Amino acid sequence: MQRRLKDFDEALNHEAEVARLTKKEYQEQCEKELARHETIALENQHAKYQKRYNICKETLMQIVDFSCIAGYYKELSEQPIPCSMWREWKSLFVAGKPFYDDTNSAPVSIETDNEAVSVLNECNMNQYTALSGEWAPPEEHPEISPNIP
């Protein structure tokens, strides 16, 4: 009987030791997983921050380019910017197309950029269908309207 109790106590102690080691291993694994999770969360947060930062930087640079090209035109011509040119520049700005080439500070040749040409063509088509801008009918012909039945 004593032998059975002693064996039973040893088995209980062994089970308790195994349970303690298993619990310790589980806690270490949880700590590693938590650290990995925090690292991934920080990387994701940094990636989101960098993405938003780049979007803001690009937008700000486009605004600066827009104002520079307008100032450059006014400095050279000493006249107000024509409405059609302003609308073209505005269309390029809204589409996110650059005003300047990255390699030099001269304005981009719009004819070489197919996407910019398509944006400008769409802008001109919208003006044409709405009879606005340079397509506006003269005031002496009020019978011409964009809402022809």
C-alpha atoms as a PDB file:
ATOM      1  CA  MET A   1       0.000   0.000   0.000  1.00  0.00           C
ATOM      2  CA  GLN A   2       2.854   2.371   0.851  1.00  0.00           C
ATOM      3  CA  ARG A   3       4.457   1.528  -2.467  1.00  0.00           C
ATOM      4  CA  ARG A   4       1.288   2.425  -4.361  1.00  0.00           C
ATOM      5  CA  LEU A   5       0.954   5.763  -2.576  1.00  0.00           C
ATOM      6  CA  LYS A   6       4.610   6.523  -3.250  1.00  0.00           C
ATOM      7  CA  ASP A   7       4.216   5.630  -6.958  1.00  0.00           C
ATOM      8  CA  PHE A   8       1.009   7.676  -7.119  1.00  0.00           C
ATOM      9  CA  ASP A   9       2.760  10.724  -5.560  1.00  0.00           C
ATOM     10  CA  GLU A  10       5.679  10.340  -7.961  1.00  0.00           C
ATOM     11  CA  ALA A  11       3.284  10.162 -10.916  1.00  0.00           C
ATOM     12  CA  LEU A  12       1.456  13.255  -9.666  1.00  0.00           C
ATOM     13  CA  ASN A  13       4.747  15.115  -9.235  1.00  0.00           C
ATOM     14  CA  HIS A  14       5.880  14.022 -12.696  1.00  0.00           C
ATOM     15  CA  GLU A  15       2.572  15.160 -14.231  1.00  0.00           C
ATOM     16  CA  ALA A  16       2.828  18.487 -12.373  1.00  0.00           C
ATOM     17  CA  GLU A  17       6.387  18.975 -13.668  1.00  0.00           C
ATOM     18  CA  VAL A  18       5.319  18.143 -17.243  1.00  0.00           C
ATOM     19  CA  ALA A  19       2.355  20.535 -16.938  1.00  0.00           C
ATOM     20  CA  ARG A  20       4.642  23.281 -15.567  1.00  0.00           C
ATOM     21  CA  LEU A  21       7.121  22.824 -18.453  1.00  0.00           C
ATOM     22  CA  THR A  22       4.318  22.743 -21.010  1.00  0.00           C
ATOM     23  CA  LYS A  23       2.849  25.933 -19.543  1.00  0.00           C
ATOM     24  CA  LYS A  24       6.260  27.603 -19.618  1.00  0.00           C
ATOM     25  CA  GLU A  25       6.800  26.589 -23.266  1.00  0.00           C
ATOM     26  CA  TYR A  26       3.307  27.846 -24.149  1.00  0.00           C
ATOM     27  CA  GLN A  27       3.976  31.213 -22.482  1.00  0.00           C
ATOM     28  CA  GLU A  28       7.295  31.552 -24.330  1.00  0.00           C
ATOM     29  CA  GLN A  29       5.578  30.721 -27.610  1.00  0.00           C
ATOM     30  CA  CYS A  30       2.844  33.269 -26.852  1.00  0.00           C
ATOM     31  CA  GLU A  31       5.469  35.932 -26.115  1.00  0.00           C
ATOM     32  CA  LYS A  32       7.244  35.158 -29.411  1.00  0.00           C
ATOM     33  CA  GLU A  33       3.945  35.318 -31.323  1.00  0.00           C
ATOM     34  CA  LEU A  34       3.031  38.582 -29.614  1.00  0.00           C
ATOM     35  CA  ALA A  35       6.425  40.073 -30.467  1.00  0.00           C
ATOM     36  CA  ARG A  36       6.042  38.914 -34.081  1.00  0.00           C
ATOM     37  CA  HIS A  37       2.531  40.351 -34.209  1.00  0.00           C
ATOM     38  CA  GLU A  38       3.746  43.702 -32.857  1.00  0.00           C
ATOM     39  CA  THR A  39       6.569  43.749 -35.421  1.00  0.00           C
ATOM     40  CA  ILE A  40       4.143  43.061 -38.265  1.00  0.00           C
ATOM     41  CA  ALA A  41       1.759  45.725 -36.940  1.00  0.00           C
ATOM     42  CA  LEU A  42       4.590  48.274 -36.806  1.00  0.00           C
ATOM     43  CA  GLU A  43       5.660  47.387 -40.343  1.00  0.00           C
ATOM     44  CA  ASN A  44       2.074  47.769 -41.582  1.00  0.00           C
ATOM     45  CA  GLN A  45       1.705  51.068 -39.754  1.00  0.00           C
ATOM     46  CA  HIS A  46       4.966  52.323 -41.266  1.00  0.00           C
ATOM     47  CA  ALA A  47       3.895  51.192 -44.750  1.00  0.00           C
ATOM     48  CA  LYS A  48       0.553  53.038 -44.399  1.00  0.00           C
ATOM     49  CA  TYR A  49       2.330  56.150 -43.137  1.00  0.00           C
ATOM     50  CA  GLN A  50       4.820  56.012 -46.019  1.00  0.00           C
ATOM     51  CA  LYS A  51       2.015  55.551 -48.567  1.00  0.00           C
ATOM     52  CA  ARG A  52       0.072  58.547 -47.230  1.00  0.00           C
ATOM     53  CA  TYR A  53       3.255  60.607 -46.974  1.00  0.00           C
ATOM     54  CA  ASN A  54       4.107  59.877 -50.620  1.00  0.00           C
ATOM     55  CA  ILE A  55       0.576  60.770 -51.753  1.00  0.00           C
ATOM     56  CA  CYS A  56       0.731  64.091 -49.885  1.00  0.00           C
ATOM     57  CA  LYS A  57       4.233  64.808 -51.193  1.00  0.00           C
ATOM     58  CA  GLU A  58       3.231  64.090 -54.801  1.00  0.00           C
ATOM     59  CA  THR A  59       0.125  66.272 -54.465  1.00  0.00           C
ATOM     60  CA  LEU A  60       2.113  69.113 -52.948  1.00  0.00           C
ATOM     61  CA  MET A  61       4.744  68.861 -55.673  1.00  0.00           C
ATOM     62  CA  GLN A  62       2.009  68.962 -58.336  1.00  0.00           C
ATOM     63  CA  ILE A  63       0.539  72.096 -56.716  1.00  0.00           C
ATOM     64  CA  VAL A  64       3.993  73.708 -56.696  1.00  0.00           C
ATOM     65  CA  ASP A  65       4.553  72.703 -60.335  1.00  0.00           C
ATOM     66  CA  PHE A  66       1.138  74.091 -61.271  1.00  0.00           C
ATOM     67  CA  SER A  67       1.883  77.428 -59.641  1.00  0.00           C
ATOM     68  CA  CYS A  68       5.396  77.518 -61.133  1.00  0.00           C
ATOM     69  CA  ILE A  69       4.193  76.869 -64.665  1.00  0.00           C
ATOM     70  CA  ALA A  70       1.518  79.548 -64.260  1.00  0.00           C
ATOM     71  CA  GLY A  71       4.087  82.013 -62.935  1.00  0.00           C
ATOM     72  CA  TYR A  72       6.531  81.083 -65.697  1.00  0.00           C
ATOM     73  CA  TYR A  73       3.877  81.728 -68.346  1.00  0.00           C
ATOM     74  CA  LYS A  74       2.884  85.080 -66.820  1.00  0.00           C
ATOM     75  CA  GLU A  75       6.533  86.099 -66.531  1.00  0.00           C
ATOM     76  CA  LEU A  76       7.234  85.312 -70.178  1.00  0.00           C
ATOM     77  CA  SER A  77       4.043  86.662 -71.728  1.00  0.00           C
ATOM     78  CA  GLU A  78       3.135  89.395 -69.235  1.00  0.00           C
ATOM     79  CA  GLN A  79      -0.512  88.607 -70.003  1.00  0.00           C
ATOM     80  CA  PRO A  80      -3.216  86.649 -68.236  1.00  0.00           C
ATOM     81  CA  ILE A  81      -3.269  82.912 -68.850  1.00  0.00           C
ATOM     82  CA  PRO A  82      -5.793  81.984 -71.571  1.00  0.00           C
ATOM     83  CA  CYS A  83      -8.772  80.025 -70.285  1.00  0.00           C
ATOM     84  CA  SER A  84      -8.158  77.100 -72.640  1.00  0.00           C
ATOM     85  CA  MET A  85      -4.556  76.750 -71.464  1.00  0.00           C
ATOM     86  CA  TRP A  86      -5.667  77.010 -67.822  1.00  0.00           C
ATOM     87  CA  ARG A  87      -8.249  74.247 -68.378  1.00  0.00           C
ATOM     88  CA  GLU A  88      -5.614  72.046 -70.030  1.00  0.00           C
ATOM     89  CA  TRP A  89      -3.249  72.545 -67.103  1.00  0.00           C
ATOM     90  CA  LYS A  90      -6.067  71.883 -64.668  1.00  0.00           C
ATOM     91  CA  SER A  91      -6.931  68.647 -66.494  1.00  0.00           C
ATOM     92  CA  LEU A  92      -3.299  67.544 -66.316  1.00  0.00           C
ATOM     93  CA  PHE A  93      -3.215  68.378 -62.607  1.00  0.00           C
ATOM     94  CA  VAL A  94      -6.421  66.460 -61.851  1.00  0.00           C
ATOM     95  CA  ALA A  95      -5.173  63.465 -63.858  1.00  0.00           C
ATOM     96  CA  GLY A  96      -1.885  63.526 -61.939  1.00  0.00           C
ATOM     97  CA  LYS A  97       0.267  64.084 -65.019  1.00  0.00           C
ATOM     98  CA  PRO A  98       3.542  65.994 -64.557  1.00  0.00           C
ATOM     99  CA  PHE A  99       4.059  69.499 -65.885  1.00  0.00           C
ATOM    100  CA  TYR A 100       7.833  69.139 -65.853  1.00  0.00           C
ATOM    101  CA  ASP A 101      10.118  66.332 -66.964  1.00  0.00           C
ATOM    102  CA  ASP A 102      12.160  64.812 -64.127  1.00  0.00           C
ATOM    103  CA  THR A 103      15.459  65.141 -66.003  1.00  0.00           C
ATOM    104  CA  ASN A 104      15.322  68.878 -66.573  1.00  0.00           C
ATOM    105  CA  SER A 105      13.338  71.872 -65.442  1.00  0.00           C
ATOM    106  CA  ALA A 106      11.736  72.605 -68.807  1.00  0.00           C
ATOM    107  CA  PRO A 107       8.038  71.873 -69.197  1.00  0.00           C
ATOM    108  CA  VAL A 108       7.194  68.424 -70.528  1.00  0.00           C
ATOM    109  CA  SER A 109       6.412  68.098 -74.214  1.00  0.00           C
ATOM    110  CA  ILE A 110       2.786  67.057 -74.009  1.00  0.00           C
ATOM    111  CA  GLU A 111       2.813  65.543 -77.505  1.00  0.00           C
ATOM    112  CA  THR A 112       5.207  62.794 -76.361  1.00  0.00           C
ATOM    113  CA  ASP A 113       3.051  61.656 -73.412  1.00  0.00           C
ATOM    114  CA  ASN A 114       0.131  59.608 -74.786  1.00  0.00           C
ATOM    115  CA  GLU A 115      -1.729  59.570 -71.464  1.00  0.00           C
ATOM    116  CA  ALA A 116      -1.504  63.348 -71.167  1.00  0.00           C
ATOM    117  CA  VAL A 117      -2.743  63.720 -74.746  1.00  0.00           C
ATOM    118  CA  SER A 118      -5.728  61.487 -74.000  1.00  0.00           C
ATOM    119  CA  VAL A 119      -6.539  63.557 -70.880  1.00  0.00           C
ATOM    120  CA  LEU A 120      -6.406  66.762 -72.893  1.00  0.00           C
ATOM    121  CA  ASN A 121      -8.500  65.240 -75.684  1.00  0.00           C
ATOM    122  CA  GLU A 122     -11.120  64.196 -73.136  1.00  0.00           C
ATOM    123  CA  CYS A 123     -11.087  67.706 -71.656  1.00  0.00           C
ATOM    124  CA  ASN A 124     -11.595  69.239 -75.105  1.00  0.00           C
ATOM    125  CA  MET A 125     -14.383  66.764 -75.889  1.00  0.00           C
ATOM    126  CA  ASN A 126     -16.183  67.620 -72.637  1.00  0.00           C
ATOM    127  CA  GLN A 127     -15.904  71.329 -73.455  1.00  0.00           C
ATOM    128  CA  TYR A 128     -17.186  70.701 -76.983  1.00  0.00           C
ATOM    129  CA  THR A 129     -20.224  68.703 -75.863  1.00  0.00           C
ATOM    130  CA  ALA A 130     -21.027  71.267 -73.161  1.00  0.00           C
ATOM    131  CA  LEU A 131     -20.436  74.198 -75.540  1.00  0.00           C
ATOM    132  CA  SER A 132     -18.086  75.837 -73.063  1.00  0.00           C
ATOM    133  CA  GLY A 133     -14.639  77.388 -73.248  1.00  0.00           C
ATOM    134  CA  GLU A 134     -13.478  78.052 -76.775  1.00  0.00           C
ATOM    135  CA  TRP A 135     -16.520  76.113 -78.066  1.00  0.00           C
ATOM    136  CA  ALA A 136     -19.022  78.515 -76.476  1.00  0.00           C
ATOM    137  CA  PRO A 137     -21.412  79.978 -79.046  1.00  0.00           C
ATOM    138  CA  PRO A 138     -21.169  83.686 -79.696  1.00  0.00           C
ATOM    139  CA  GLU A 139     -23.625  85.836 -77.783  1.00  0.00           C
ATOM    140  CA  GLU A 140     -25.303  86.999 -80.995  1.00  0.00           C
ATOM    141  CA  HIS A 141     -26.556  83.413 -81.559  1.00  0.00           C
ATOM    142  CA  PRO A 142     -28.544  82.535 -78.426  1.00  0.00           C
ATOM    143  CA  GLU A 143     -30.452  79.799 -80.267  1.00  0.00           C
ATOM    144  CA  ILE A 144     -27.393  77.528 -80.030  1.00  0.00           C
ATOM    145  CA  SER A 145     -27.486  75.641 -76.739  1.00  0.00           C
ATOM    146  CA  PRO A 146     -25.939  72.418 -75.406  1.00  0.00           C
ATOM    147  CA  ASN A 147     -29.450  71.003 -74.807  1.00  0.00           C
ATOM    148  CA  ILE A 148     -30.565  70.667 -78.412  1.00  0.00           C
ATOM    149  CA  PRO A 149     -33.682  68.457 -78.635  1.00  0.00           C
END
